[in-house]
Amino acid sequence: MLNIVLVEPEIPMNTGNIARTCAATRSRLHLVRPLGFDISDRAVKRAGLDYWHMVDLRVYDNLDAFFRIHPDPDIWLATTKAPRDYTQAVFRPDCWLMFGKETAGLPESLRMRYRDRCIRIPMRPDARSLNLANSVAILAYEALRQQGFPDLSGVGEMGGVPHP
């Protein structure tokens, strides 16, 4: 199972959209406090629509608590400051994709600790970053593509039109 980790997310709509991506892909969502909102917040629930019952959600008090429970995860850190892009990563089953808060990204100490596991999404040099929910979707689907989309049928609705 793919694991999506959000460290100190600040915007409820992003987290709601990410929860929906996790539900659709059977990925587990991990939230590391402090959160910039209450997870019962209406905006989070609205963005996740009726998918919350399909989300395997885990919440941690801080990064130390996260790493105490998961001491050696097969982790990839998404950061605009990464030395290589995500196409150079090999995502294994049960890997962890970690994303930082919208305004500041991941802490520098964490990026230094996992320097060889930092990846970025290519973009023009004068663009600061992509939206967090979009970044999660891009990397989650690349990880799942590399794994052959385990437990995902590929059958569903796209824009109201069934697709094969």
C-alpha atoms as a PDB file:
ATOM      1  CA  MET A   1       0.000   0.000   0.000  1.00  0.00           C
ATOM      2  CA  LEU A   2       1.241   3.443  -0.893  1.00  0.00           C
ATOM      3  CA  ASN A   3       1.621   5.826   2.066  1.00  0.00           C
ATOM      4  CA  ILE A   4       1.093   9.572   1.688  1.00  0.00           C
ATOM      5  CA  VAL A   5       2.505  11.698   4.523  1.00  0.00           C
ATOM      6  CA  LEU A   6       1.582  15.358   4.968  1.00  0.00           C
ATOM      7  CA  VAL A   7       3.798  17.207   7.438  1.00  0.00           C
ATOM      8  CA  GLU A   8       1.958  20.108   9.068  1.00  0.00           C
ATOM      9  CA  PRO A   9      -0.570  20.734   6.272  1.00  0.00           C
ATOM     10  CA  GLU A  10      -2.161  24.173   6.493  1.00  0.00           C
ATOM     11  CA  ILE A  11      -4.976  24.342   3.933  1.00  0.00           C
ATOM     12  CA  PRO A  12      -8.042  22.181   4.568  1.00  0.00           C
ATOM     13  CA  MET A  13      -9.111  22.036   0.914  1.00  0.00           C
ATOM     14  CA  ASN A  14      -5.724  20.584  -0.074  1.00  0.00           C
ATOM     15  CA  THR A  15      -5.943  17.898   2.594  1.00  0.00           C
ATOM     16  CA  GLY A  16      -9.506  17.079   1.561  1.00  0.00           C
ATOM     17  CA  ASN A  17      -8.477  16.717  -2.080  1.00  0.00           C
ATOM     18  CA  ILE A  18      -5.493  14.577  -1.072  1.00  0.00           C
ATOM     19  CA  ALA A  19      -7.796  12.384   1.032  1.00  0.00           C
ATOM     20  CA  ARG A  20      -9.941  11.866  -2.058  1.00  0.00           C
ATOM     21  CA  THR A  21      -6.845  10.849  -4.065  1.00  0.00           C
ATOM     22  CA  CYS A  22      -5.892   8.441  -1.274  1.00  0.00           C
ATOM     23  CA  ALA A  23      -9.379   6.938  -1.261  1.00  0.00           C
ATOM     24  CA  ALA A  24      -9.385   6.470  -5.032  1.00  0.00           C
ATOM     25  CA  THR A  25      -5.926   4.863  -5.048  1.00  0.00           C
ATOM     26  CA  ARG A  26      -6.215   2.791  -1.851  1.00  0.00           C
ATOM     27  CA  SER A  27      -3.334   4.788  -0.378  1.00  0.00           C
ATOM     28  CA  ARG A  28      -2.977   5.399   3.356  1.00  0.00           C
ATOM     29  CA  LEU A  29      -2.978   9.042   4.497  1.00  0.00           C
ATOM     30  CA  HIS A  30      -0.718  10.103   7.371  1.00  0.00           C
ATOM     31  CA  LEU A  31      -1.046  13.591   8.882  1.00  0.00           C
ATOM     32  CA  VAL A  32       1.717  15.008  11.088  1.00  0.00           C
ATOM     33  CA  ARG A  33       0.669  17.751  13.519  1.00  0.00           C
ATOM     34  CA  PRO A  34       0.391  20.590  14.018  1.00  0.00           C
ATOM     35  CA  LEU A  35      -2.385  20.879  11.452  1.00  0.00           C
ATOM     36  CA  GLY A  36      -3.529  24.270  10.225  1.00  0.00           C
ATOM     37  CA  PHE A  37      -7.166  23.188  10.677  1.00  0.00           C
ATOM     38  CA  ASP A  38      -9.390  20.750  12.492  1.00  0.00           C
ATOM     39  CA  ILE A  39      -9.759  17.532  10.500  1.00  0.00           C
ATOM     40  CA  SER A  40     -13.484  17.716  11.126  1.00  0.00           C
ATOM     41  CA  ASP A  41     -13.442  21.134   9.413  1.00  0.00           C
ATOM     42  CA  ARG A  42     -16.243  21.553   6.874  1.00  0.00           C
ATOM     43  CA  ALA A  43     -13.815  22.540   4.102  1.00  0.00           C
ATOM     44  CA  VAL A  44     -11.822  19.324   4.526  1.00  0.00           C
ATOM     45  CA  LYS A  45     -14.949  17.210   4.487  1.00  0.00           C
ATOM     46  CA  ARG A  46     -16.371  19.074   1.483  1.00  0.00           C
ATOM     47  CA  ALA A  47     -13.184  18.623  -0.558  1.00  0.00           C
ATOM     48  CA  GLY A  48     -13.097  14.913   0.252  1.00  0.00           C
ATOM     49  CA  LEU A  49     -16.804  14.665  -0.580  1.00  0.00           C
ATOM     50  CA  ASP A  50     -18.190  11.293   0.393  1.00  0.00           C
ATOM     51  CA  TYR A  51     -14.831   9.498   0.254  1.00  0.00           C
ATOM     52  CA  TRP A  52     -13.734   9.856   3.895  1.00  0.00           C
ATOM     53  CA  HIS A  53     -15.053   6.425   4.860  1.00  0.00           C
ATOM     54  CA  MET A  54     -12.638   4.965   2.269  1.00  0.00           C
ATOM     55  CA  VAL A  55      -9.564   6.726   3.701  1.00  0.00           C
ATOM     56  CA  ASP A  56      -7.197   4.896   6.033  1.00  0.00           C
ATOM     57  CA  LEU A  57      -6.159   7.937   8.086  1.00  0.00           C
ATOM     58  CA  ARG A  58      -3.371   8.037  10.685  1.00  0.00           C
ATOM     59  CA  VAL A  59      -2.488  11.148  12.708  1.00  0.00           C
ATOM     60  CA  TYR A  60       0.774  11.793  14.611  1.00  0.00           C
ATOM     61  CA  ASP A  61       1.567  14.487  17.180  1.00  0.00           C
ATOM     62  CA  ASN A  62       4.847  15.436  15.452  1.00  0.00           C
ATOM     63  CA  LEU A  63       7.658  14.098  13.262  1.00  0.00           C
ATOM     64  CA  ASP A  64       9.378  12.423  16.212  1.00  0.00           C
ATOM     65  CA  ALA A  65       6.216  10.444  16.946  1.00  0.00           C
ATOM     66  CA  PHE A  66       5.930   9.505  13.261  1.00  0.00           C
ATOM     67  CA  PHE A  67       9.512   8.170  13.137  1.00  0.00           C
ATOM     68  CA  ARG A  68       9.136   6.345  16.472  1.00  0.00           C
ATOM     69  CA  ILE A  69       6.263   4.363  14.966  1.00  0.00           C
ATOM     70  CA  HIS A  70       7.900   4.041  11.511  1.00  0.00           C
ATOM     71  CA  PRO A  71      11.660   4.017  12.239  1.00  0.00           C
ATOM     72  CA  ASP A  72      12.929   2.994   8.807  1.00  0.00           C
ATOM     73  CA  PRO A  73      10.359   3.733   6.099  1.00  0.00           C
ATOM     74  CA  ASP A  74      11.111   3.407   2.383  1.00  0.00           C
ATOM     75  CA  ILE A  75      10.607   7.152   2.167  1.00  0.00           C
ATOM     76  CA  TRP A  76      10.742   9.719  -0.618  1.00  0.00           C
ATOM     77  CA  LEU A  77      10.614  13.433   0.205  1.00  0.00           C
ATOM     78  CA  ALA A  78       8.976  15.799  -2.260  1.00  0.00           C
ATOM     79  CA  THR A  79      10.758  19.141  -2.297  1.00  0.00           C
ATOM     80  CA  THR A  80      11.493  21.869  -4.813  1.00  0.00           C
ATOM     81  CA  LYS A  81      15.045  21.806  -3.431  1.00  0.00           C
ATOM     82  CA  ALA A  82      15.751  18.207  -4.508  1.00  0.00           C
ATOM     83  CA  PRO A  83      18.819  17.361  -6.599  1.00  0.00           C
ATOM     84  CA  ARG A  84      16.869  15.028  -8.935  1.00  0.00           C
ATOM     85  CA  ASP A  85      13.413  14.720 -10.386  1.00  0.00           C
ATOM     86  CA  TYR A  86      10.867  12.059  -9.507  1.00  0.00           C
ATOM     87  CA  THR A  87      11.405  10.080 -12.722  1.00  0.00           C
ATOM     88  CA  GLN A  88      14.743   8.937 -11.302  1.00  0.00           C
ATOM     89  CA  ALA A  89      13.118   7.346  -8.243  1.00  0.00           C
ATOM     90  CA  VAL A  90      12.160   3.697  -7.980  1.00  0.00           C
ATOM     91  CA  PHE A  91       8.960   3.466  -5.960  1.00  0.00           C
ATOM     92  CA  ARG A  92       8.514   0.072  -4.318  1.00  0.00           C
ATOM     93  CA  PRO A  93       5.302  -1.352  -2.850  1.00  0.00           C
ATOM     94  CA  ASP A  94       4.608   0.090   0.604  1.00  0.00           C
ATOM     95  CA  CYS A  95       6.789   3.140  -0.010  1.00  0.00           C
ATOM     96  CA  TRP A  96       6.151   6.479   1.680  1.00  0.00           C
ATOM     97  CA  LEU A  97       5.781   9.823  -0.107  1.00  0.00           C
ATOM     98  CA  MET A  98       6.304  12.755   2.259  1.00  0.00           C
ATOM     99  CA  PHE A  99       5.202  16.336   1.576  1.00  0.00           C
ATOM    100  CA  GLY A 100       5.707  19.502   3.617  1.00  0.00           C
ATOM    101  CA  LYS A 101       3.369  22.287   4.526  1.00  0.00           C
ATOM    102  CA  GLU A 102       2.168  24.628   1.824  1.00  0.00           C
ATOM    103  CA  THR A 103       4.050  27.758   2.954  1.00  0.00           C
ATOM    104  CA  ALA A 104       7.442  26.276   3.876  1.00  0.00           C
ATOM    105  CA  GLY A 105       7.811  22.717   2.616  1.00  0.00           C
ATOM    106  CA  LEU A 106       9.689  20.105   4.625  1.00  0.00           C
ATOM    107  CA  PRO A 107      12.114  21.048   7.406  1.00  0.00           C
ATOM    108  CA  GLU A 108      15.722  21.423   6.269  1.00  0.00           C
ATOM    109  CA  SER A 109      16.956  18.949   8.903  1.00  0.00           C
ATOM    110  CA  LEU A 110      14.696  16.267   7.414  1.00  0.00           C
ATOM    111  CA  ARG A 111      15.794  17.080   3.859  1.00  0.00           C
ATOM    112  CA  MET A 112      19.442  16.771   4.925  1.00  0.00           C
ATOM    113  CA  ARG A 113      18.802  13.490   6.770  1.00  0.00           C
ATOM    114  CA  TYR A 114      17.235  11.980   3.635  1.00  0.00           C
ATOM    115  CA  ARG A 115      19.164  13.940   1.000  1.00  0.00           C
ATOM    116  CA  ASP A 116      19.463  10.963  -1.350  1.00  0.00           C
ATOM    117  CA  ARG A 117      15.679  10.393  -1.094  1.00  0.00           C
ATOM    118  CA  CYS A 118      14.613  13.937  -2.056  1.00  0.00           C
ATOM    119  CA  ILE A 119      12.807  14.306  -5.372  1.00  0.00           C
ATOM    120  CA  ARG A 120      11.207  17.190  -7.233  1.00  0.00           C
ATOM    121  CA  ILE A 121       8.608  17.708  -9.913  1.00  0.00           C
ATOM    122  CA  PRO A 122      10.182  19.521 -12.883  1.00  0.00           C
ATOM    123  CA  MET A 123       8.840  22.996 -13.591  1.00  0.00           C
ATOM    124  CA  ARG A 124      10.047  26.301 -14.985  1.00  0.00           C
ATOM    125  CA  PRO A 125      12.701  27.983 -12.818  1.00  0.00           C
ATOM    126  CA  ASP A 126      10.679  31.082 -12.014  1.00  0.00           C
ATOM    127  CA  ALA A 127       7.713  29.072 -10.646  1.00  0.00           C
ATOM    128  CA  ARG A 128       7.873  28.646  -6.872  1.00  0.00           C
ATOM    129  CA  SER A 129       5.952  25.368  -6.579  1.00  0.00           C
ATOM    130  CA  LEU A 130       2.840  23.448  -7.544  1.00  0.00           C
ATOM    131  CA  ASN A 131      -0.282  23.129  -5.422  1.00  0.00           C
ATOM    132  CA  LEU A 132       0.182  20.472  -2.721  1.00  0.00           C
ATOM    133  CA  ALA A 133      -2.802  18.378  -3.810  1.00  0.00           C
ATOM    134  CA  ASN A 134      -1.563  18.375  -7.423  1.00  0.00           C
ATOM    135  CA  SER A 135       1.944  17.383  -6.321  1.00  0.00           C
ATOM    136  CA  VAL A 136       0.602  14.483  -4.283  1.00  0.00           C
ATOM    137  CA  ALA A 137      -1.481  13.268  -7.226  1.00  0.00           C
ATOM    138  CA  ILE A 138       1.455  13.433  -9.654  1.00  0.00           C
ATOM    139  CA  LEU A 139       3.812  11.461  -7.406  1.00  0.00           C
ATOM    140  CA  ALA A 140       1.185   9.023  -6.145  1.00  0.00           C
ATOM    141  CA  TYR A 141       0.184   8.041  -9.657  1.00  0.00           C
ATOM    142  CA  GLU A 142       3.810   7.701 -10.760  1.00  0.00           C
ATOM    143  CA  ALA A 143       4.502   5.412  -7.798  1.00  0.00           C
ATOM    144  CA  LEU A 144       1.409   3.360  -8.568  1.00  0.00           C
ATOM    145  CA  ARG A 145       2.236   3.254 -12.299  1.00  0.00           C
ATOM    146  CA  GLN A 146       5.662   1.828 -11.498  1.00  0.00           C
ATOM    147  CA  GLN A 147       3.959  -0.858  -9.402  1.00  0.00           C
ATOM    148  CA  GLY A 148       1.429  -1.737 -12.117  1.00  0.00           C
ATOM    149  CA  PHE A 149      -1.499   0.020 -10.380  1.00  0.00           C
ATOM    150  CA  PRO A 150      -2.029  -2.694  -7.743  1.00  0.00           C
ATOM    151  CA  ASP A 151      -5.672  -3.320  -6.786  1.00  0.00           C
ATOM    152  CA  LEU A 152      -6.903  -0.568  -9.121  1.00  0.00           C
ATOM    153  CA  SER A 153      -9.184  -1.580 -11.952  1.00  0.00           C
ATOM    154  CA  GLY A 154      -8.860   1.471 -14.178  1.00  0.00           C
ATOM    155  CA  VAL A 155     -12.621   1.380 -14.687  1.00  0.00           C
ATOM    156  CA  GLY A 156     -14.561   4.349 -13.448  1.00  0.00           C
ATOM    157  CA  GLU A 157     -15.994   7.697 -14.390  1.00  0.00           C
ATOM    158  CA  MET A 158     -13.984  10.515 -15.877  1.00  0.00           C
ATOM    159  CA  GLY A 159     -15.824  13.754 -16.333  1.00  0.00           C
ATOM    160  CA  GLY A 160     -19.091  11.843 -16.232  1.00  0.00           C
ATOM    161  CA  VAL A 161     -18.101   9.660 -19.207  1.00  0.00           C
ATOM    162  CA  PRO A 162     -17.193   6.002 -18.559  1.00  0.00           C
ATOM    163  CA  HIS A 163     -13.696   5.130 -19.712  1.00  0.00           C
ATOM    164  CA  PRO A 164     -12.120   1.731 -20.357  1.00  0.00           C
END
